[in-house]
Amino acid sequence: MRSVTSDASRLDGLRLKTKNWRVEALAVKEVHSSYFASEAMFPPGSVEFDHALIMRNLEHEWHAAPDLYV
């Protein structure tokens, strides 16, 4: 998860707290990411889609966490 702020070097800190953890494989037909498509940051062949997981119907809470600096 990415939390964008007006400061390009800072992301809001978020923490997901769950009472249980259950994921299922997700069938993906097509993938595109403008972030990973940047050949200046990721030379051709350096990034490859691996898999996708989905969480459904989990009891959860979002909590503030310290900001992340990039």
N, C-alpha and C. Protein backbone atom coordinates (compact mmCIF):
# COMPACT_ATOMS: atom_id res chain seq x y z
N MET A 1 0.84 -1.16 0.00
CA MET A 1 0.00 0.00 0.00
C MET A 1 0.89 1.23 0.00
N ARG A 2 0.50 2.20 -0.73
CA ARG A 2 1.26 3.44 -0.80
C ARG A 2 0.34 4.58 -0.40
N SER A 3 0.80 5.41 0.49
CA SER A 3 0.03 6.55 0.93
C SER A 3 0.75 7.81 0.50
N VAL A 4 0.27 8.44 -0.55
CA VAL A 4 0.93 9.59 -1.15
C VAL A 4 0.66 10.85 -0.32
N THR A 5 1.68 11.66 -0.14
CA THR A 5 1.54 12.95 0.53
C THR A 5 2.01 14.04 -0.41
N SER A 6 1.89 15.29 0.01
CA SER A 6 2.37 16.39 -0.82
C SER A 6 3.89 16.46 -0.84
N ASP A 7 4.55 15.75 0.07
CA ASP A 7 6.02 15.66 0.13
C ASP A 7 6.44 14.39 -0.60
N ALA A 8 7.08 14.53 -1.75
CA ALA A 8 7.46 13.36 -2.58
C ALA A 8 8.41 12.41 -1.87
N SER A 9 9.04 12.84 -0.78
CA SER A 9 9.99 11.96 -0.08
C SER A 9 9.36 11.32 1.16
N ARG A 10 8.04 11.54 1.39
CA ARG A 10 7.40 11.00 2.60
C ARG A 10 6.10 10.29 2.26
N LEU A 11 5.90 9.13 2.87
CA LEU A 11 4.64 8.39 2.78
C LEU A 11 4.03 8.31 4.16
N ASP A 12 2.70 8.46 4.25
CA ASP A 12 2.04 8.29 5.53
C ASP A 12 2.23 6.86 6.01
N GLY A 13 2.55 6.70 7.27
CA GLY A 13 2.69 5.36 7.83
C GLY A 13 1.32 4.78 8.16
N LEU A 14 1.07 3.57 7.73
CA LEU A 14 -0.18 2.86 8.01
C LEU A 14 0.15 1.43 8.42
N ARG A 15 -0.61 0.90 9.36
CA ARG A 15 -0.41 -0.48 9.78
C ARG A 15 -1.77 -1.17 9.77
N LEU A 16 -1.83 -2.31 9.11
CA LEU A 16 -3.05 -3.11 9.05
C LEU A 16 -2.94 -4.20 10.11
N LYS A 17 -3.90 -4.24 11.03
CA LYS A 17 -3.91 -5.25 12.08
C LYS A 17 -5.09 -6.18 11.84
N THR A 18 -4.83 -7.48 11.74
CA THR A 18 -5.89 -8.45 11.50
C THR A 18 -5.93 -9.46 12.64
N LYS A 19 -7.11 -10.00 12.90
CA LYS A 19 -7.25 -11.02 13.95
C LYS A 19 -6.85 -12.40 13.42
N ASN A 20 -6.96 -12.58 12.12
CA ASN A 20 -6.52 -13.82 11.49
C ASN A 20 -5.93 -13.45 10.13
N TRP A 21 -5.30 -14.38 9.50
CA TRP A 21 -4.62 -14.10 8.24
C TRP A 21 -4.96 -15.23 7.27
N ARG A 22 -5.70 -14.88 6.22
CA ARG A 22 -6.10 -15.89 5.24
C ARG A 22 -6.05 -15.24 3.87
N VAL A 23 -5.32 -15.84 2.97
CA VAL A 23 -5.23 -15.32 1.61
C VAL A 23 -5.59 -16.42 0.62
N GLU A 24 -6.01 -15.99 -0.55
CA GLU A 24 -6.30 -16.92 -1.65
C GLU A 24 -5.54 -16.45 -2.88
N ALA A 25 -5.17 -17.40 -3.72
CA ALA A 25 -4.53 -17.04 -4.98
C ALA A 25 -5.54 -16.31 -5.86
N LEU A 26 -5.08 -15.32 -6.58
CA LEU A 26 -5.93 -14.53 -7.45
C LEU A 26 -5.49 -14.75 -8.89
N ALA A 27 -6.43 -15.11 -9.75
CA ALA A 27 -6.11 -15.30 -11.16
C ALA A 27 -5.99 -13.93 -11.82
N VAL A 28 -4.87 -13.67 -12.48
CA VAL A 28 -4.61 -12.38 -13.11
C VAL A 28 -4.45 -12.58 -14.61
N LYS A 29 -5.22 -11.84 -15.39
CA LYS A 29 -5.15 -11.95 -16.85
C LYS A 29 -4.20 -10.93 -17.44
N GLU A 30 -4.07 -9.77 -16.81
CA GLU A 30 -3.22 -8.72 -17.35
C GLU A 30 -2.67 -7.88 -16.20
N VAL A 31 -1.42 -7.43 -16.33
CA VAL A 31 -0.79 -6.62 -15.29
C VAL A 31 -0.13 -5.41 -15.93
N HIS A 32 -0.34 -4.25 -15.31
CA HIS A 32 0.38 -3.05 -15.74
C HIS A 32 0.64 -2.18 -14.52
N SER A 33 1.84 -1.66 -14.43
CA SER A 33 2.20 -0.73 -13.36
C SER A 33 3.01 0.40 -13.96
N SER A 34 2.50 1.63 -13.87
CA SER A 34 3.26 2.76 -14.41
C SER A 34 4.55 2.95 -13.63
N TYR A 35 4.56 2.58 -12.35
CA TYR A 35 5.77 2.70 -11.54
C TYR A 35 6.86 1.75 -12.04
N PHE A 36 6.54 0.48 -12.18
CA PHE A 36 7.52 -0.51 -12.62
C PHE A 36 7.79 -0.45 -14.12
N ALA A 37 6.98 0.29 -14.86
CA ALA A 37 7.19 0.44 -16.30
C ALA A 37 8.33 1.41 -16.63
N SER A 38 8.80 2.14 -15.65
CA SER A 38 9.87 3.12 -15.86
C SER A 38 11.20 2.41 -16.12
N GLU A 39 11.64 2.43 -17.37
CA GLU A 39 12.91 1.78 -17.72
C GLU A 39 14.11 2.51 -17.14
N ALA A 40 13.93 3.77 -16.76
CA ALA A 40 15.02 4.50 -16.10
C ALA A 40 15.28 3.93 -14.72
N MET A 41 14.22 3.49 -14.04
CA MET A 41 14.37 2.90 -12.70
C MET A 41 14.55 1.39 -12.75
N PHE A 42 13.92 0.75 -13.72
CA PHE A 42 13.93 -0.71 -13.81
C PHE A 42 14.28 -1.12 -15.24
N PRO A 43 15.53 -1.47 -15.51
CA PRO A 43 15.92 -1.88 -16.86
C PRO A 43 15.06 -3.05 -17.35
N PRO A 44 14.86 -3.16 -18.67
CA PRO A 44 14.05 -4.26 -19.22
C PRO A 44 14.53 -5.62 -18.67
N GLY A 45 13.57 -6.41 -18.24
CA GLY A 45 13.89 -7.75 -17.73
C GLY A 45 14.21 -7.78 -16.24
N SER A 46 14.30 -6.61 -15.58
CA SER A 46 14.67 -6.60 -14.16
C SER A 46 13.47 -6.78 -13.22
N VAL A 47 12.25 -6.64 -13.75
CA VAL A 47 11.05 -6.80 -12.94
C VAL A 47 10.13 -7.78 -13.65
N GLU A 48 9.60 -8.72 -12.89
CA GLU A 48 8.70 -9.72 -13.47
C GLU A 48 7.55 -9.99 -12.50
N PHE A 49 6.33 -9.99 -13.02
CA PHE A 49 5.17 -10.29 -12.19
C PHE A 49 5.28 -11.73 -11.69
N ASP A 50 5.00 -11.92 -10.43
CA ASP A 50 5.15 -13.22 -9.78
C ASP A 50 3.78 -13.85 -9.51
N HIS A 51 3.00 -13.24 -8.64
CA HIS A 51 1.69 -13.77 -8.29
C HIS A 51 0.86 -12.69 -7.61
N ALA A 52 -0.40 -12.99 -7.39
CA ALA A 52 -1.29 -12.07 -6.68
C ALA A 52 -2.07 -12.85 -5.64
N LEU A 53 -2.26 -12.22 -4.51
CA LEU A 53 -3.03 -12.81 -3.42
C LEU A 53 -4.13 -11.84 -3.03
N ILE A 54 -5.24 -12.37 -2.52
CA ILE A 54 -6.35 -11.52 -2.08
C ILE A 54 -6.79 -11.96 -0.68
N MET A 55 -7.12 -10.97 0.14
CA MET A 55 -7.68 -11.23 1.47
C MET A 55 -9.14 -10.80 1.42
N ARG A 56 -10.02 -11.64 1.93
CA ARG A 56 -11.45 -11.32 1.95
C ARG A 56 -12.03 -11.60 3.32
N ASN A 57 -12.99 -10.76 3.69
CA ASN A 57 -13.79 -10.99 4.90
C ASN A 57 -12.95 -11.21 6.15
N LEU A 58 -11.94 -10.36 6.34
CA LEU A 58 -11.11 -10.44 7.54
C LEU A 58 -11.48 -9.32 8.51
N GLU A 59 -11.54 -9.67 9.78
CA GLU A 59 -11.69 -8.62 10.78
C GLU A 59 -10.37 -7.85 10.79
N HIS A 60 -10.46 -6.52 10.71
CA HIS A 60 -9.22 -5.76 10.63
C HIS A 60 -9.39 -4.36 11.20
N GLU A 61 -8.25 -3.73 11.48
CA GLU A 61 -8.20 -2.35 11.95
C GLU A 61 -7.01 -1.69 11.28
N TRP A 62 -7.18 -0.41 10.90
CA TRP A 62 -6.07 0.38 10.39
C TRP A 62 -5.55 1.25 11.53
N HIS A 63 -4.23 1.33 11.65
CA HIS A 63 -3.61 2.14 12.70
C HIS A 63 -2.55 3.06 12.08
N ALA A 64 -2.41 4.23 12.69
CA ALA A 64 -1.34 5.14 12.26
C ALA A 64 0.00 4.52 12.65
N ALA A 65 1.02 4.79 11.86
CA ALA A 65 2.37 4.32 12.11
C ALA A 65 3.32 5.46 11.76
N PRO A 66 4.58 5.36 12.16
CA PRO A 66 5.52 6.41 11.79
C PRO A 66 5.59 6.58 10.28
N ASP A 67 5.75 7.82 9.83
CA ASP A 67 5.89 8.08 8.39
C ASP A 67 7.11 7.36 7.83
N LEU A 68 7.05 7.07 6.54
CA LEU A 68 8.18 6.43 5.84
C LEU A 68 8.82 7.46 4.93
N TYR A 69 10.13 7.49 4.92
CA TYR A 69 10.85 8.43 4.08
C TYR A 69 11.58 7.68 2.99
N VAL A 70 11.41 8.12 1.75
CA VAL A 70 12.01 7.44 0.60
C VAL A 70 13.00 8.34 -0.09
